[in-house]
Protein backbone atom coordinates (compact mmCIF):
# COMPACT_ATOMS: atom_id res chain seq x y z
CA MET A 1 0.00 0.00 0.00
CA ARG A 2 1.25 3.47 -0.93
CA VAL A 3 -0.03 6.30 1.28
CA HIS A 4 0.78 10.01 1.08
CA PHE A 5 0.32 12.43 4.00
CA ILE A 6 -0.53 16.07 3.38
CA ALA A 7 0.70 17.92 6.51
CA ILE A 8 2.68 14.97 7.84
CA GLY A 9 4.29 17.00 10.64
CA GLY A 10 1.22 17.21 12.89
CA SER A 11 1.22 15.40 16.23
CA ALA A 12 -1.40 12.85 15.22
CA MET A 13 -0.39 12.73 11.55
CA HIS A 14 3.27 11.89 12.04
CA ASN A 15 2.37 9.16 14.52
CA LEU A 16 -0.08 7.61 12.07
CA ALA A 17 2.61 7.81 9.38
CA ILE A 18 5.03 5.92 11.63
CA ALA A 19 2.35 3.34 12.49
CA LEU A 20 1.69 2.61 8.79
CA HIS A 21 5.42 2.49 8.08
CA ASN A 22 5.79 -0.07 10.87
CA LYS A 23 2.94 -2.04 9.30
CA GLY A 24 4.90 -2.28 6.03
CA TYR A 25 3.20 0.47 4.03
CA HIS A 26 5.13 2.75 1.66
CA VAL A 27 4.67 6.19 3.26
CA SER A 28 5.45 9.63 1.83
CA GLY A 29 4.52 13.08 3.06
CA SER A 30 4.72 16.85 2.74
CA ASP A 31 4.46 19.84 5.02
CA ASP A 32 5.31 23.53 4.88
CA GLU A 33 6.93 23.46 8.33
CA ILE A 34 7.83 20.60 10.69
CA PHE A 35 8.78 21.16 14.33
CA GLU A 36 10.19 18.97 17.08
CA PRO A 37 9.58 16.30 18.21
CA SER A 38 7.82 15.38 14.94
CA LYS A 39 10.90 16.25 12.87
CA SER A 40 13.32 13.96 14.72
CA ARG A 41 10.81 11.11 14.94
CA LEU A 42 10.02 11.23 11.22
CA GLN A 43 13.75 11.36 10.47
CA LYS A 44 14.38 8.32 12.69
CA PHE A 45 11.99 6.25 10.57
CA GLY A 46 13.17 7.66 7.23
CA LEU A 47 9.89 9.54 6.69
CA LEU A 48 11.04 13.17 6.91
CA PRO A 49 10.37 14.97 3.58
CA ALA A 50 13.59 15.93 1.80
CA THR A 51 12.35 19.51 1.44
CA GLU A 52 9.69 21.57 3.15
CA GLY A 53 6.74 22.86 1.17
CA TRP A 54 4.03 21.43 -1.07
CA ASP A 55 4.98 19.56 -4.23
CA VAL A 56 2.22 18.29 -6.53
CA SER A 57 4.67 15.88 -8.18
CA ARG A 58 4.43 13.76 -5.01
CA VAL A 59 0.75 13.12 -5.73
CA THR A 60 0.39 10.50 -8.47
CA MET A 61 -1.95 7.75 -9.63
CA GLU A 62 0.37 5.23 -7.94
CA LEU A 63 -0.99 6.26 -4.52
CA ASP A 64 -3.63 4.07 -2.89
CA SER A 65 -4.69 6.76 -0.43
CA VAL A 66 -4.03 10.35 0.60
CA ILE A 67 -4.40 11.34 4.27
CA LEU A 68 -5.21 14.99 4.90
CA GLY A 69 -4.08 16.74 8.09
CA MET A 70 -5.95 19.52 9.89
CA HIS A 71 -3.05 21.90 9.31
CA ALA A 72 -3.56 21.87 5.53
CA LYS A 73 -5.86 24.43 3.92
CA PRO A 74 -8.79 23.56 1.60
CA ASP A 75 -6.89 25.10 -1.34
CA ASN A 76 -3.72 23.09 -0.67
CA PRO A 77 -2.18 22.32 -4.09
CA GLU A 78 -1.52 18.66 -3.24
CA LEU A 79 -5.12 18.24 -2.06
CA LEU A 80 -6.42 19.82 -5.27
CA LYS A 81 -4.18 17.48 -7.33
CA ALA A 82 -5.46 14.44 -5.38
CA LYS A 83 -9.04 15.50 -6.08
CA GLU A 84 -8.26 16.04 -9.76
CA LEU A 85 -6.82 12.51 -10.02
CA GLY A 86 -9.79 11.02 -8.18
CA LEU A 87 -7.63 9.52 -5.43
CA LYS A 88 -9.12 8.26 -2.16
CA ILE A 89 -8.75 11.07 0.38
CA PHE A 90 -9.10 10.37 4.09
CA SER A 91 -8.78 12.45 7.22
CA TYR A 92 -6.67 10.67 9.84
CA PRO A 93 -9.73 9.71 11.96
CA GLU A 94 -11.41 8.29 8.84
CA TYR A 95 -8.30 6.26 8.10
CA LEU A 96 -8.08 5.01 11.68
CA TYR A 97 -11.66 3.77 11.40
CA GLU A 98 -10.84 2.02 8.13
CA GLN A 99 -7.98 0.24 9.89
CA SER A 100 -10.17 -0.81 12.85
CA LYS A 101 -13.65 -1.44 11.43
CA ASP A 102 -13.33 -5.20 11.98
CA LYS A 103 -12.06 -4.81 15.56
CA LYS A 104 -13.77 -4.05 18.87
CA ARG A 105 -13.46 -0.26 19.17
CA VAL A 106 -13.09 1.43 22.56
CA VAL A 107 -13.38 5.25 22.45
CA ILE A 108 -12.57 7.58 25.34
CA GLY A 109 -14.29 10.97 24.92
CA GLY A 110 -14.98 13.99 27.09
CA SER A 111 -13.72 17.52 27.65
CA HIS A 112 -11.03 16.42 30.10
CA GLY A 113 -9.12 13.33 31.21
CA LYS A 114 -9.18 11.58 27.82
CA THR A 115 -5.43 11.12 27.51
CA THR A 116 -4.95 9.93 31.09
CA ILE A 117 -7.85 7.45 30.97
CA THR A 118 -6.64 6.06 27.63
CA ALA A 119 -3.10 5.80 29.00
CA MET A 120 -4.34 3.98 32.10
CA ILE A 121 -6.26 1.48 29.95
CA LEU A 122 -3.25 0.80 27.71
CA HIS A 123 -0.97 0.37 30.73
CA VAL A 124 -3.31 -2.14 32.36
CA LEU A 125 -3.98 -4.08 29.14
CA ARG A 126 -0.24 -4.42 28.58
CA MET A 127 0.27 -5.64 32.15
CA ALA A 128 -2.61 -8.09 31.65
CA GLY A 129 -1.08 -9.45 28.43
CA ILE A 130 -3.98 -8.24 26.26
CA ASP A 131 -2.71 -7.04 22.89
CA CYS A 132 -4.44 -4.09 21.23
CA ASP A 133 -4.05 -1.34 18.67
CA TYR A 134 -4.41 2.24 19.88
CA MET A 135 -4.33 5.96 19.27
CA VAL A 136 -3.46 8.21 22.23
CA GLY A 137 -2.66 11.93 22.41
CA ALA A 138 0.58 11.81 24.41
CA GLN A 139 3.82 9.90 24.53
CA LEU A 140 3.51 7.10 27.11
CA GLU A 141 6.27 5.42 29.04
CA GLY A 142 6.94 1.99 27.56
CA PHE A 143 5.19 2.79 24.26
CA ASP A 144 7.37 3.78 21.28
CA VAL A 145 4.59 5.43 19.29
CA MET A 146 1.28 7.19 19.93
CA VAL A 147 -0.51 5.20 17.20
CA ARG A 148 -0.25 1.46 16.70
CA LEU A 149 -1.95 -0.50 13.90
CA SER A 150 -1.62 -4.21 13.24
CA GLU A 151 -3.40 -7.05 11.50
CA HIS A 152 -3.71 -9.54 14.34
CA THR A 153 -5.23 -7.65 17.30
CA GLY A 154 -8.98 -7.71 17.95
CA ILE A 155 -9.22 -4.45 19.95
CA MET A 156 -8.46 -0.81 19.18
CA VAL A 157 -8.47 1.87 21.88
CA PHE A 158 -8.99 5.48 20.74
CA GLU A 159 -8.61 8.78 22.51
CA GLY A 160 -11.69 10.50 21.07
CA ASP A 161 -11.11 14.19 20.40
CA GLU A 162 -14.17 16.37 19.72
CA TYR A 163 -12.26 18.85 17.52
CA LEU A 164 -12.79 18.99 13.74
CA THR A 165 -11.78 16.12 11.49
CA SER A 166 -10.07 17.99 8.62
CA PRO A 167 -10.23 21.24 6.62
CA ILE A 168 -12.84 19.64 4.33
CA ASP A 169 -14.74 17.65 6.97
CA ARG A 170 -16.35 19.66 9.80
CA ARG A 171 -17.40 16.62 11.85
CA PRO A 172 -15.80 16.14 15.28
CA LYS A 173 -13.16 13.42 15.13
CA PHE A 174 -14.85 11.17 17.67
CA HIS A 175 -17.99 10.95 15.52
CA LEU A 176 -16.08 8.79 13.04
CA TYR A 177 -14.97 5.96 15.32
CA LYS A 178 -18.36 4.28 16.01
CA PRO A 179 -17.43 2.72 19.38
CA ASP A 180 -18.54 -0.63 20.71
CA ILE A 181 -17.50 0.56 24.18
CA ALA A 182 -17.57 4.30 24.85
CA LEU A 183 -16.58 6.41 27.84
CA LEU A 184 -17.44 10.06 28.45
CA SER A 185 -15.47 11.78 31.21
CA GLY A 186 -17.33 15.09 31.34
CA VAL A 187 -18.59 18.03 29.31
CA ALA A 188 -17.07 21.49 29.81
CA TRP A 189 -17.46 23.97 26.95
CA ASP A 190 -14.34 24.35 24.82
CA HIS A 191 -13.37 25.16 21.21
CA ILE A 192 -15.68 28.19 20.98
CA ASN A 193 -14.29 28.97 17.51
CA VAL A 194 -16.01 25.78 16.30
CA PHE A 195 -18.88 25.33 18.79
CA PRO A 196 -20.20 28.87 19.39
CA THR A 197 -22.69 27.95 22.13
CA PHE A 198 -22.70 25.47 25.00
CA ASP A 199 -25.81 23.77 23.59
CA ASN A 200 -24.05 23.29 20.26
CA TYR A 201 -21.06 21.78 22.07
CA VAL A 202 -23.28 19.41 24.09
CA GLU A 203 -25.00 18.25 20.89
CA GLN A 204 -21.67 16.80 19.70
CA PHE A 205 -21.67 14.47 22.71
CA ARG A 206 -25.29 13.50 22.14
CA GLU A 207 -24.37 12.56 18.58
CA PHE A 208 -21.37 10.58 19.83
CA ILE A 209 -23.73 8.54 22.03
CA ARG A 210 -26.08 7.96 19.06
CA LEU A 211 -23.14 6.56 17.08
CA ILE A 212 -22.33 3.79 19.56
CA THR A 213 -22.87 0.45 17.82
CA PRO A 214 -26.08 -1.53 18.52
CA GLY A 215 -25.86 -3.34 21.86
CA GLY A 216 -22.82 -1.31 22.84
CA THR A 217 -21.76 0.08 26.21
CA LEU A 218 -21.68 3.68 27.47
CA ILE A 219 -19.62 4.39 30.58
CA TYR A 220 -20.08 7.95 31.87
CA CYS A 221 -19.05 10.15 34.78
CA ALA A 222 -21.94 10.36 37.24
CA ASP A 223 -20.48 13.52 38.79
CA ASP A 224 -21.00 15.49 35.57
CA GLU A 225 -24.36 17.27 35.46
CA THR A 226 -24.56 17.38 31.67
CA LEU A 227 -23.73 13.69 31.22
CA CYS A 228 -26.31 12.75 33.85
CA ARG A 229 -28.84 14.68 31.77
CA ILE A 230 -28.03 13.25 28.34
CA SER A 231 -26.79 9.70 29.07
CA PRO A 232 -29.95 8.15 30.60
CA GLY A 233 -31.83 9.16 27.45
CA ALA A 234 -29.58 7.01 25.28
CA ARG A 235 -30.95 4.16 23.18
CA LYS A 236 -32.52 1.31 25.14
CA ASP A 237 -30.17 -1.26 23.60
CA LEU A 238 -27.11 0.34 25.21
CA LYS A 239 -25.60 -0.85 28.47
CA LEU A 240 -25.15 2.20 30.75
CA ILE A 241 -22.48 2.27 33.47
CA PRO A 242 -22.12 5.44 35.58
CA TYR A 243 -18.92 5.90 37.60
CA SER A 244 -17.67 8.29 40.26
CA VAL A 245 -14.67 8.89 42.54
CA PRO A 246 -13.55 5.78 44.44
CA GLU A 247 -12.57 5.91 48.09
CA TYR A 248 -8.97 7.08 48.59
CA PHE A 249 -6.74 8.90 51.07
CA ILE A 250 -3.44 10.81 51.09
CA SER A 251 -0.64 10.13 53.59
CA ASP A 252 2.95 11.40 53.49
CA GLY A 253 2.44 12.71 49.96
CA VAL A 254 1.17 9.38 48.58
CA SER A 255 -2.39 8.81 47.36
CA SER A 256 -3.81 5.35 48.05
CA LEU A 257 -6.87 3.68 46.56
CA ILE A 258 -9.17 1.90 49.04
CA ASP A 259 -10.76 -1.32 47.78
CA ASN A 260 -12.50 -3.87 49.99
CA GLY A 261 -10.92 -2.30 53.04
CA LYS A 262 -7.35 -2.52 51.71
CA ALA A 263 -5.09 0.40 50.73
CA TYR A 264 -3.19 0.37 47.43
CA PRO A 265 -0.57 3.14 47.03
CA LEU A 266 -0.52 4.89 43.64
CA LYS A 267 2.03 6.92 41.69
CA VAL A 268 -0.63 9.40 40.47
CA PHE A 269 -2.62 11.77 42.64
CA GLY A 270 -5.60 14.12 42.66
CA ARG A 271 -9.35 13.67 42.83
CA HIS A 272 -9.66 13.97 39.05
CA ASN A 273 -7.11 11.16 38.58
CA MET A 274 -9.04 8.96 40.99
CA MET A 275 -12.10 9.64 38.82
CA ASN A 276 -10.06 8.82 35.69
CA LEU A 277 -8.88 5.60 37.33
CA ASN A 278 -12.43 4.47 38.02
CA GLY A 279 -13.47 5.12 34.42
CA ALA A 280 -10.48 3.13 33.16
CA ARG A 281 -11.35 0.32 35.57
CA TRP A 282 -14.82 -0.07 34.05
CA ILE A 283 -13.41 -0.15 30.52
CA CYS A 284 -10.92 -2.84 31.52
CA LEU A 285 -13.64 -4.89 33.22
CA GLU A 286 -15.62 -4.78 29.97
CA LEU A 287 -12.51 -6.07 28.18
CA GLY A 288 -12.15 -9.02 30.54
CA VAL A 289 -9.59 -7.70 33.05
CA SER A 290 -10.41 -8.71 36.61
CA ASP A 291 -10.68 -6.06 39.31
CA GLU A 292 -7.76 -7.62 41.19
CA LEU A 293 -5.52 -7.50 38.12
CA PHE A 294 -6.56 -3.92 37.35
CA ILE A 295 -5.65 -2.70 40.84
CA SER A 296 -2.34 -4.54 40.78
CA ALA A 297 -1.44 -3.05 37.39
CA ILE A 298 -2.61 0.53 38.01
CA GLN A 299 -0.29 0.87 41.01
CA SER A 300 2.69 1.16 38.66
CA PHE A 301 1.06 3.72 36.34
CA LYS A 302 3.10 6.95 36.43
CA GLY A 303 0.89 9.14 34.25
CA ALA A 304 1.04 10.46 30.69
CA SER A 305 3.43 13.08 29.36
CA LYS A 306 2.51 16.63 30.45
CA ARG A 307 -0.28 15.36 32.71
CA LEU A 308 0.88 16.38 36.20
CA GLU A 309 4.34 15.37 35.02
CA LEU A 310 7.11 15.84 37.60
CA ILE A 311 9.96 17.63 35.84
CA SER A 312 12.22 18.52 38.78
CA GLY A 313 12.32 18.45 42.54
CA ASN A 314 14.37 18.44 45.72
CA TYR A 315 13.59 18.04 49.42
CA THR A 316 11.84 21.42 49.59
CA THR A 317 10.69 22.29 46.05
CA THR A 318 8.71 20.41 43.38
CA VAL A 319 7.95 21.43 39.79
CA TYR A 320 5.15 19.92 37.67
CA LYS A 321 3.96 20.63 34.15
CA ASP A 322 0.47 19.89 32.91
CA PHE A 323 -1.45 20.24 29.65
CA ALA A 324 -4.37 21.94 31.45
CA HIS A 325 -5.73 24.95 29.56
CA ALA A 326 -9.55 24.87 29.68
CA PRO A 327 -11.13 26.25 32.90
CA SER A 328 -12.34 22.89 34.26
CA LYS A 329 -8.93 21.31 33.64
CA VAL A 330 -7.09 24.18 35.30
CA LYS A 331 -9.29 24.03 38.39
CA ALA A 332 -9.05 20.23 38.71
CA THR A 333 -5.27 20.15 38.25
CA LEU A 334 -4.66 22.94 40.75
CA HIS A 335 -6.99 21.27 43.27
CA ALA A 336 -5.03 18.02 42.92
CA VAL A 337 -1.74 19.77 43.72
CA LYS A 338 -3.25 21.66 46.65
CA GLU A 339 -4.74 18.46 48.03
CA GLN A 340 -1.43 16.62 47.66
CA TYR A 341 0.66 19.42 49.21
CA PRO A 342 -1.66 21.18 51.69
CA SER A 343 1.14 22.78 53.73
CA LYS A 344 3.23 24.06 50.82
CA THR A 345 3.10 27.34 48.92
CA ILE A 346 1.49 26.66 45.54
CA VAL A 347 2.64 28.81 42.61
CA ALA A 348 0.31 28.22 39.65
CA CYS A 349 1.44 29.59 36.29
CA LEU A 350 -1.08 29.29 33.46
CA GLU A 351 -0.47 30.18 29.81
CA LEU A 352 -3.51 31.29 27.80
CA HIS A 353 -2.70 29.74 24.43
CA THR A 354 -5.84 28.30 22.80
CA TYR A 355 -8.38 30.13 20.67
CA SER A 356 -10.97 29.94 23.46
CA SER A 357 -8.66 31.08 26.25
CA LEU A 358 -7.50 34.11 24.25
CA SER A 359 -11.07 35.24 23.46
CA LYS A 360 -12.34 38.14 25.54
CA GLU A 361 -15.85 36.65 25.68
CA PHE A 362 -14.51 33.39 27.16
CA LEU A 363 -12.27 34.78 29.91
CA GLY A 364 -15.10 34.87 32.45
CA HIS A 365 -15.23 31.05 32.37
CA TYR A 366 -11.90 31.09 34.25
CA PHE A 367 -13.47 32.94 37.19
CA GLY A 368 -12.11 31.46 40.43
CA SER A 369 -10.10 28.73 38.66
CA LEU A 370 -6.78 29.84 40.21
CA ASN A 371 -8.13 30.67 43.68
CA GLU A 372 -6.44 27.70 45.36
CA ALA A 373 -3.00 29.02 44.37
CA ASN A 374 -1.01 31.06 46.88
CA VAL A 375 0.70 32.79 43.96
CA PRO A 376 -1.45 32.83 40.78
CA LEU A 377 0.26 33.85 37.53
CA VAL A 378 -1.10 34.08 33.98
CA TYR A 379 0.88 34.54 30.77
CA PHE A 380 -0.38 35.30 27.28
CA SER A 381 1.32 36.37 24.07
CA PRO A 382 -0.11 39.33 22.10
CA HIS A 383 1.63 37.83 19.06
CA ALA A 384 -0.31 34.57 19.44
CA ILE A 385 -3.53 36.60 19.48
CA GLN A 386 -2.50 38.27 16.21
CA LEU A 387 -1.70 34.90 14.61
CA LYS A 388 -5.15 33.62 15.59
CA ARG A 389 -6.67 36.82 14.16
CA LEU A 390 -8.49 37.58 17.39
CA PRO A 391 -9.24 41.00 18.87
CA PRO A 392 -6.57 42.01 21.43
CA ILE A 393 -7.13 41.47 25.14
CA THR A 394 -5.63 43.45 28.02
CA LYS A 395 -4.08 42.46 31.33
CA GLU A 396 -7.00 44.15 33.07
CA GLN A 397 -9.53 42.02 31.16
CA VAL A 398 -7.64 38.88 32.16
CA LYS A 399 -7.63 39.92 35.83
CA GLU A 400 -11.34 40.65 35.67
CA GLY A 401 -12.05 37.31 34.01
CA PHE A 402 -10.20 35.32 36.69
CA GLY A 403 -11.68 37.39 39.52
CA ASN A 404 -8.54 37.03 41.63
CA SER A 405 -7.03 40.09 43.35
CA LEU A 406 -3.67 38.29 43.76
CA LEU A 407 -3.33 37.50 40.06
CA GLU A 408 -0.21 38.70 38.23
CA VAL A 409 -0.46 38.84 34.43
CA PHE A 410 2.54 38.75 32.07
CA THR A 411 2.85 39.29 28.33
CA ASP A 412 6.65 39.02 28.12
CA SER A 413 8.12 35.54 28.64
CA LYS A 414 11.46 36.97 29.81
CA GLU A 415 9.70 38.94 32.54
CA LEU A 416 7.77 35.84 33.58
CA ARG A 417 10.94 33.76 33.76
CA SER A 418 12.67 36.46 35.80
CA ARG A 419 9.73 36.62 38.21
CA LEU A 420 9.82 32.85 38.74
CA LEU A 421 13.58 32.72 39.28
CA GLY A 422 13.36 35.59 41.77
CA MET A 423 10.95 33.81 44.12
CA ASP A 424 11.76 32.09 47.40
CA TRP A 425 11.09 28.44 46.59
CA ASN A 426 11.47 27.03 50.09
CA ASN A 427 8.59 24.63 50.86
CA SER A 428 6.90 25.37 47.52
CA VAL A 429 5.39 23.72 44.46
CA LEU A 430 5.44 25.24 40.96
CA LEU A 431 2.63 24.10 38.65
CA LEU A 432 3.13 25.06 35.00
CA MET A 433 -0.07 24.69 32.97
CA SER A 434 -0.10 25.17 29.21
CA SER A 435 -0.82 23.60 25.84
CA GLY A 436 2.01 25.79 24.47
CA ASP A 437 5.56 26.62 25.57
CA TYR A 438 5.36 30.14 27.06
CA ASP A 439 6.95 31.54 23.89
CA GLY A 440 10.02 29.35 23.97
CA ILE A 441 10.80 29.02 27.69
CA ASP A 442 12.77 25.81 28.26
CA LEU A 443 10.64 24.44 31.09
CA GLY A 444 13.09 21.67 31.96
CA ALA A 445 15.98 24.11 32.31
CA LEU A 446 13.80 26.54 34.27
CA ALA A 447 12.72 23.80 36.67
CA GLU A 448 16.31 22.65 37.19
CA GLU A 449 17.42 26.22 37.91
CA ILE A 450 14.60 26.67 40.44
CA THR A 451 15.32 23.43 42.28
CA ARG A 452 19.09 24.15 42.36
CA SER A 453 18.56 27.50 44.10
């Protein structure tokens, strides 16, 4: 099979390219710009395009399929050539479905926790000796790639993103996977550039439920008001399983799960991660993993990349980074750190980086989200706002949106870095939350410098 990727450098796209290469396909690709870590990973597998830019000569009748990335525009010259030749054109979620349509499909959806729940499931299945294909949105310890496709496995586990499928397909990605077993972790309005109202956003999750296969299973968070409203109205043929937070406690900085009166120490922490764990447990039970085996396996789970990831620490100072950016994620992540370190000074530093977070109309959704921090900091880049073609926002509007009198707002990454390095870090925790990189701050180097001081 010969497959060509338009916009091969994307996070999901380059992983799918590697997965098909590992399956024995002949893979080619193009992109106008490829950044790390995609660049090095594509180079490692011999898939990095020789030159950057679009080249219609790469699109020929010899191709079996073309896979279109979200980064490409509808007028992309390679896309237009593929259409002219009548080639089969897929988005990456469409292609993933094609690769898994004869397997049992497990899809993890929801506004938050998707990556962690998917990672927990994959960790437990591996420990249980159950082979599966998968697509997950972060690099996981012990897994070489974020997408795996094979001929012999009977299960595929998807992280189900609700964002758009491709430039020419406006459906949410998770509408294409048609799960046999589905999980929804919660609904908190996001992606306002695509879903302009909360009701419109909720409708995407209703449709996801409608697309579960006949006789399938829906596992949903019983603590989420919206899911409790829409899930019970699902088709009568579906098996419904609500889940909540299991019993747990924290002692000496370690969170332990309580099951049948016994305590099982974990490497992850936070109420939201306990909720994620319970969702993953139900999925694994549906896949034939016993409760005893699940608990034994989950004790060694360390978390997914950038999900409360410990990046540096010493006897008095700890630094974490997290992908949290939406209001519900920010609040849950900060609460987890405060709960884990109740006697320490918590410095929470959030970057506003997404379309929603940089929109003046959306800022009010962050109201109170940083209130558990002793030192709340917010950074945003005016240049990023220009690139997203959004109206400018001011520091005052950000402060008003968060409703926190202690909040410090920065628009210069050098000033932010200087402020962090100038603090007294004795008995403190730094929580860095962003889906970006604070305009090029090396977070690892910053964390090392803080914990050396």
